[in-house]
Amino acid sequence: MKKFLVSVIIFSVILGGLVTLLSANYAKSAEGNFVSAIRLKHERLNSFKGPRVMFAGGSNVAYGIDSREIEDSIKLPVTNLAIHAGLGLDFMLSELKHSARRGDYIFLSPEYYLDEGRYKLDEEAADSYPEAKHYLKNLAINDFPIFVDGIIEQMKTNKDVLFDKLSKKMFGAKKETTIASITSFNEYGDVVAHLNRPAPATIKDKKAFEYRYWDGIQKINALAQYAKDNGIHLYFVFPTYSRNAYTINKAVIKRYQNDLATNLQIPVINAPEDFVYDDSEYYDTVYHLRKNARELRTQKLISIIKPYTML
């Protein structure tokens, strides 16, 4: 029995060490990676006095609006806080709660059924912007799957990084310059590195949804109460979505829309079809707009939000 226990302990130590080694973030650079842009976004946001406009959500917002054009139109300072859906709804809502002040305008546009995201990505953002440590969720025992998911995602990333390095060393293969960098953002917080690039042959994330009542409604309502108590203007905006993906999910999205209309305690100021464009207008996923549609969305967004910023 004693020999068996010793073997189990040795095996556990080796396995734990192996998992730690494989799941370390070898591609991490707090100064240069994509999520580290959070620091620059908050530096801009904190530089303004008086009412500010914030756009929040995942990469559908990061890639899909021209904040400078919006700022010039509504005559209020605009910051695009959006980075990546993988940060999760909890992180985004906590970020808004900690950042907003009386008189601010927040336009929240999460991807459909946005969930808790990847905890390791949240930690990475906090490495660059220490204030973001306040946005991190305190993991409990029942959150263990979130922790495991983060490890698996990091292993996948490490595999890609290792493969790219080996390909370059062994075969001289050169990977196309990534846009997943802090340099992909402009001073307003918009991703602009993709605007003049050709679109890939196919776009990702064209999946079918299964209807469920979105628990994000309750979470947003909690922020809505805080906003109401503190003189903050909070609005919900449906995201952009490719036409093919929208057609596949139209029935589910209609039920999702009805749930929001019935239960969300902040104004929903547009409809799902408002920002639906042909698949050819998307860069690499069903949420990332290319240049022309980004401009169309921006102009329509201005017409939608302008009445709310003139209160």
Protein backbone atom coordinates (compact mmCIF):
# COMPACT_ATOMS: atom_id res chain seq x y z
CA MET A 1 0.00 0.00 0.00
CA LYS A 2 2.81 2.37 0.93
CA LYS A 3 4.57 1.66 -2.37
CA PHE A 4 1.36 2.34 -4.26
CA LEU A 5 0.85 5.71 -2.51
CA VAL A 6 4.43 6.73 -3.28
CA SER A 7 3.87 5.85 -6.94
CA VAL A 8 0.65 7.89 -7.03
CA ILE A 9 2.40 10.89 -5.47
CA ILE A 10 5.32 10.69 -7.92
CA PHE A 11 2.93 10.33 -10.86
CA SER A 12 0.85 13.30 -9.65
CA VAL A 13 3.94 15.49 -9.28
CA ILE A 14 5.18 14.58 -12.75
CA LEU A 15 1.73 15.11 -14.28
CA GLY A 16 1.31 18.45 -12.50
CA GLY A 17 4.74 19.60 -13.65
CA LEU A 18 4.02 18.54 -17.22
CA VAL A 19 0.68 20.38 -17.29
CA THR A 20 2.31 23.50 -15.82
CA LEU A 21 5.09 23.36 -18.41
CA LEU A 22 2.73 22.88 -21.36
CA SER A 23 0.22 25.51 -20.25
CA ALA A 24 2.67 28.33 -19.51
CA ASN A 25 2.08 31.33 -21.76
CA TYR A 26 5.17 31.33 -23.96
CA ALA A 27 3.65 33.85 -26.36
CA LYS A 28 2.92 36.31 -23.58
CA SER A 29 4.22 39.85 -23.73
CA ALA A 30 2.56 42.29 -21.37
CA GLU A 31 3.80 45.21 -23.47
CA GLY A 32 2.84 43.94 -26.91
CA ASN A 33 0.02 41.40 -27.05
CA PHE A 34 -3.58 42.03 -28.08
CA VAL A 35 -5.23 42.22 -24.66
CA SER A 36 -2.52 44.51 -23.32
CA ALA A 37 -4.28 47.25 -25.29
CA ILE A 38 -6.54 47.55 -22.25
CA ARG A 39 -3.90 49.76 -20.66
CA LEU A 40 -3.88 52.24 -23.54
CA LYS A 41 -7.66 52.31 -23.69
CA HIS A 42 -7.91 53.27 -20.02
CA GLU A 43 -5.16 55.84 -20.30
CA ARG A 44 -7.27 57.54 -22.97
CA LEU A 45 -10.51 57.15 -21.00
CA ASN A 46 -8.97 58.61 -17.85
CA SER A 47 -7.55 61.60 -19.70
CA PHE A 48 -10.99 63.19 -20.14
CA LYS A 49 -12.96 65.33 -17.75
CA GLY A 50 -16.72 65.53 -17.94
CA PRO A 51 -19.06 63.05 -19.68
CA ARG A 52 -17.46 60.38 -21.85
CA VAL A 53 -18.79 57.81 -24.31
CA MET A 54 -17.68 54.19 -23.94
CA PHE A 55 -18.28 51.34 -26.36
CA ALA A 56 -17.99 47.90 -24.82
CA GLY A 57 -18.30 44.32 -25.99
CA GLY A 58 -16.08 41.82 -27.75
CA SER A 59 -14.15 42.06 -31.00
CA ASN A 60 -17.33 42.82 -32.96
CA VAL A 61 -16.95 46.30 -31.45
CA ALA A 62 -13.14 46.40 -31.46
CA TYR A 63 -13.01 45.66 -35.20
CA GLY A 64 -16.27 47.22 -36.23
CA ILE A 65 -16.58 50.95 -35.49
CA ASP A 66 -14.81 54.20 -36.32
CA SER A 67 -14.67 55.93 -32.94
CA ARG A 68 -13.11 59.09 -34.32
CA GLU A 69 -16.01 59.55 -36.72
CA ILE A 70 -18.49 58.98 -33.90
CA GLU A 71 -16.66 61.46 -31.64
CA ASP A 72 -16.66 64.12 -34.35
CA SER A 73 -20.38 63.63 -34.85
CA ILE A 74 -21.68 63.56 -31.27
CA LYS A 75 -19.13 66.05 -29.88
CA LEU A 76 -18.24 63.90 -26.87
CA PRO A 77 -14.95 62.04 -26.22
CA VAL A 78 -15.21 58.42 -27.31
CA THR A 79 -13.19 55.41 -26.15
CA ASN A 80 -13.60 51.95 -27.61
CA LEU A 81 -12.99 49.65 -24.62
CA ALA A 82 -13.73 46.44 -26.56
CA ILE A 83 -10.97 43.91 -27.13
CA HIS A 84 -11.98 40.25 -27.27
CA ALA A 85 -15.10 38.20 -26.46
CA GLY A 86 -12.78 35.75 -24.71
CA LEU A 87 -12.46 38.18 -21.80
CA GLY A 88 -16.06 37.28 -21.00
CA LEU A 89 -19.16 39.21 -19.97
CA ASP A 90 -18.34 39.22 -16.25
CA PHE A 91 -14.98 40.87 -16.87
CA MET A 92 -16.49 43.49 -19.20
CA LEU A 93 -19.31 44.43 -16.84
CA SER A 94 -16.93 44.69 -13.90
CA GLU A 95 -14.64 46.86 -16.01
CA LEU A 96 -17.52 49.23 -16.81
CA LYS A 97 -18.62 49.38 -13.18
CA HIS A 98 -15.13 50.31 -12.03
CA SER A 99 -14.51 52.78 -14.85
CA ALA A 100 -17.73 54.72 -15.41
CA ARG A 101 -18.66 57.88 -13.57
CA ARG A 102 -21.68 60.17 -13.36
CA GLY A 103 -22.73 61.55 -16.73
CA ASP A 104 -20.98 58.88 -18.83
CA TYR A 105 -22.66 57.08 -21.72
CA ILE A 106 -22.07 53.36 -22.18
CA PHE A 107 -23.12 51.44 -25.28
CA LEU A 108 -22.79 47.73 -24.57
CA SER A 109 -22.74 45.40 -27.59
CA PRO A 110 -21.79 41.84 -26.59
CA GLU A 111 -21.61 38.94 -29.03
CA TYR A 112 -24.59 36.56 -28.96
CA TYR A 113 -24.72 34.42 -25.82
CA LEU A 114 -21.46 35.88 -24.54
CA ASP A 115 -20.38 33.82 -21.54
CA GLU A 116 -17.76 33.93 -18.78
CA GLY A 117 -14.84 33.83 -21.20
CA ARG A 118 -11.35 32.52 -20.55
CA TYR A 119 -9.93 33.26 -17.13
CA LYS A 120 -6.30 33.08 -18.30
CA LEU A 121 -7.04 35.81 -20.84
CA ASP A 122 -8.45 37.98 -18.05
CA GLU A 123 -5.29 37.42 -16.03
CA GLU A 124 -3.21 38.40 -19.05
CA ALA A 125 -5.10 41.69 -19.33
CA ALA A 126 -4.45 42.33 -15.64
CA ASP A 127 -0.72 41.76 -16.17
CA SER A 128 -0.70 44.79 -18.45
CA TYR A 129 -3.22 46.90 -16.55
CA PRO A 130 -3.08 46.15 -12.79
CA GLU A 131 -6.43 47.88 -12.18
CA ALA A 132 -8.01 44.99 -14.11
CA LYS A 133 -7.22 42.70 -11.18
CA HIS A 134 -10.41 44.15 -9.69
CA TYR A 135 -12.35 42.79 -12.68
CA LEU A 136 -11.22 39.20 -12.15
CA LYS A 137 -13.69 36.68 -10.83
CA ASN A 138 -12.76 34.85 -7.63
CA LEU A 139 -12.83 31.24 -8.78
CA ALA A 140 -14.75 28.80 -6.61
CA ILE A 141 -14.76 24.98 -6.66
CA ASN A 142 -17.66 24.92 -9.15
CA ASP A 143 -15.60 27.11 -11.50
CA PHE A 144 -12.99 24.38 -11.98
CA PRO A 145 -14.13 23.79 -15.62
CA ILE A 146 -13.25 27.44 -16.37
CA PHE A 147 -9.74 26.84 -15.06
CA VAL A 148 -9.36 23.65 -17.10
CA ASP A 149 -10.71 25.38 -20.23
CA GLY A 150 -8.09 28.10 -19.82
CA ILE A 151 -5.30 25.52 -19.61
CA ILE A 152 -6.55 23.71 -22.73
CA GLU A 153 -6.81 26.96 -24.71
CA GLN A 154 -3.28 27.94 -23.68
CA MET A 155 -1.96 24.55 -24.73
CA LYS A 156 -3.52 25.03 -28.16
CA THR A 157 -1.91 28.46 -28.46
CA ASN A 158 1.46 27.07 -27.37
CA LYS A 159 1.18 24.33 -30.01
CA ASP A 160 0.61 26.94 -32.74
CA VAL A 161 3.49 29.10 -31.51
CA LEU A 162 5.84 26.12 -31.39
CA PHE A 163 4.78 24.92 -34.84
CA ASP A 164 5.35 28.38 -36.34
CA LYS A 165 8.83 28.62 -34.80
CA LEU A 166 9.83 25.14 -35.95
CA SER A 167 8.49 25.78 -39.46
CA LYS A 168 10.53 28.95 -39.70
CA LYS A 169 13.72 27.28 -38.45
CA MET A 170 13.43 24.07 -40.44
CA PHE A 171 11.81 25.22 -43.67
CA GLY A 172 12.13 28.98 -43.65
CA ALA A 173 8.35 29.28 -43.63
CA LYS A 174 7.08 32.74 -42.83
CA LYS A 175 3.74 33.30 -41.20
CA GLU A 176 1.72 36.32 -42.22
CA THR A 177 2.20 39.17 -39.78
CA THR A 178 -0.43 38.84 -37.09
CA ILE A 179 -2.88 41.57 -36.22
CA ALA A 180 -3.17 40.18 -32.68
CA SER A 181 -0.94 42.92 -31.32
CA ILE A 182 -1.21 46.10 -29.31
CA THR A 183 -0.12 47.94 -32.47
CA SER A 184 -3.34 46.85 -34.20
CA PHE A 185 -5.29 49.54 -32.31
CA ASN A 186 -5.49 53.25 -33.04
CA GLU A 187 -5.57 55.97 -30.37
CA TYR A 188 -9.35 55.63 -29.92
CA GLY A 189 -9.13 51.90 -29.18
CA ASP A 190 -10.34 50.66 -32.59
CA VAL A 191 -8.63 47.76 -34.37
CA VAL A 192 -7.46 49.15 -37.72
CA ALA A 193 -4.65 46.77 -38.77
CA HIS A 194 -7.04 44.62 -40.82
CA LEU A 195 -8.71 47.38 -42.81
CA ASN A 196 -6.51 47.24 -45.91
CA ARG A 197 -5.90 43.51 -45.88
CA PRO A 198 -7.64 41.09 -48.24
CA ALA A 199 -10.30 38.92 -46.64
CA PRO A 200 -9.56 35.22 -46.08
CA ALA A 201 -11.37 32.72 -48.31
CA THR A 202 -13.70 31.71 -45.47
CA ILE A 203 -14.88 33.28 -42.24
CA LYS A 204 -14.95 31.45 -38.93
CA ASP A 205 -17.57 30.96 -36.19
CA LYS A 206 -20.49 30.36 -38.53
CA LYS A 207 -22.25 28.04 -36.10
CA ALA A 208 -25.85 27.27 -35.22
CA PHE A 209 -27.10 28.41 -31.81
CA GLU A 210 -29.26 26.31 -29.55
CA TYR A 211 -31.82 28.49 -27.79
CA ARG A 212 -31.40 29.05 -24.07
CA TYR A 213 -32.30 31.87 -21.76
CA TRP A 214 -29.18 33.98 -21.58
CA ASP A 215 -27.90 34.45 -18.03
CA GLY A 216 -26.19 37.64 -19.20
CA ILE A 217 -29.51 39.46 -18.83
CA GLN A 218 -29.40 39.17 -15.05
CA LYS A 219 -25.76 40.25 -14.97
CA ILE A 220 -26.43 43.32 -17.12
CA ASN A 221 -29.42 44.20 -14.94
CA ALA A 222 -27.13 44.30 -11.92
CA LEU A 223 -24.94 46.85 -13.72
CA ALA A 224 -28.09 48.70 -14.82
CA GLN A 225 -29.09 49.27 -11.21
CA TYR A 226 -25.62 50.55 -10.38
CA ALA A 227 -25.74 52.85 -13.40
CA LYS A 228 -29.14 54.19 -12.42
CA ASP A 229 -28.01 54.87 -8.86
CA ASN A 230 -24.89 56.70 -10.07
CA GLY A 231 -26.20 58.79 -12.95
CA ILE A 232 -24.62 56.66 -15.71
CA HIS A 233 -26.43 56.17 -19.03
CA LEU A 234 -26.34 52.51 -20.10
CA TYR A 235 -27.73 51.13 -23.38
CA PHE A 236 -27.76 47.76 -25.14
CA VAL A 237 -26.81 47.48 -28.83
CA PHE A 238 -27.10 44.30 -30.90
CA PRO A 239 -23.77 43.32 -32.50
CA THR A 240 -22.86 43.06 -36.15
CA TYR A 241 -23.28 39.56 -37.59
CA SER A 242 -22.69 38.04 -41.02
CA ARG A 243 -25.77 37.46 -43.17
CA ASN A 244 -25.28 33.73 -43.58
CA ALA A 245 -24.79 33.20 -39.84
CA TYR A 246 -27.81 35.42 -39.11
CA THR A 247 -29.98 33.40 -41.49
CA ILE A 248 -28.92 30.16 -39.82
CA ASN A 249 -29.79 31.54 -36.38
CA LYS A 250 -32.67 33.89 -37.15
CA ALA A 251 -35.30 31.96 -35.16
CA VAL A 252 -33.05 31.67 -32.09
CA ILE A 253 -32.00 35.31 -32.32
CA LYS A 254 -35.67 36.32 -32.42
CA ARG A 255 -36.28 34.52 -29.12
CA TYR A 256 -33.09 36.05 -27.70
CA GLN A 257 -34.40 39.48 -28.75
CA ASN A 258 -37.77 38.81 -27.09
CA ASP A 259 -36.04 37.81 -23.86
CA LEU A 260 -34.10 41.07 -23.87
CA ALA A 261 -37.20 43.13 -24.62
CA THR A 262 -39.08 41.46 -21.77
CA ASN A 263 -36.42 41.26 -19.09
CA LEU A 264 -33.52 43.62 -19.73
CA GLN A 265 -33.77 46.74 -17.57
CA ILE A 266 -31.92 49.09 -19.93
CA PRO A 267 -33.02 50.43 -23.32
CA VAL A 268 -32.33 48.15 -26.30
CA ILE A 269 -31.79 50.77 -28.98
CA ASN A 270 -31.53 48.77 -32.19
CA ALA A 271 -32.62 45.50 -33.82
CA PRO A 272 -30.48 42.44 -34.65
CA GLU A 273 -30.82 42.97 -38.40
CA ASP A 274 -29.52 46.56 -38.26
CA PHE A 275 -25.87 45.53 -38.52
CA VAL A 276 -26.16 42.40 -40.67
CA TYR A 277 -24.00 42.51 -43.81
CA ASP A 278 -23.02 40.10 -46.58
CA ASP A 279 -20.35 37.57 -45.64
CA SER A 280 -17.93 39.21 -48.06
CA GLU A 281 -17.93 42.28 -45.78
CA TYR A 282 -16.30 40.33 -42.91
CA TYR A 283 -12.59 39.92 -42.42
CA ASP A 284 -12.04 36.53 -40.77
CA THR A 285 -14.98 35.80 -38.46
CA VAL A 286 -18.73 36.45 -38.52
CA TYR A 287 -18.14 39.42 -36.18
CA HIS A 288 -15.13 41.23 -37.73
CA LEU A 289 -16.14 43.87 -40.25
CA ARG A 290 -14.02 44.95 -43.17
CA LYS A 291 -13.55 48.57 -44.17
CA ASN A 292 -16.71 49.33 -46.19
CA ALA A 293 -19.21 47.69 -43.82
CA ARG A 294 -17.38 49.19 -40.83
CA GLU A 295 -18.13 52.61 -42.29
CA LEU A 296 -21.77 51.69 -42.96
CA ARG A 297 -22.18 50.41 -39.42
CA THR A 298 -20.55 53.51 -37.98
CA GLN A 299 -22.89 55.85 -39.84
CA LYS A 300 -25.96 53.88 -38.78
CA LEU A 301 -24.68 53.65 -35.22
CA ILE A 302 -24.28 57.42 -35.09
CA SER A 303 -27.90 57.91 -36.14
CA ILE A 304 -29.02 55.42 -33.47
CA ILE A 305 -27.05 56.76 -30.50
CA LYS A 306 -27.13 60.48 -31.24
CA PRO A 307 -30.55 61.10 -29.64
CA TYR A 308 -29.37 59.37 -26.45
CA THR A 309 -26.20 61.46 -26.12
CA MET A 310 -28.12 64.73 -26.34
CA LEU A 311 -29.96 64.22 -23.03
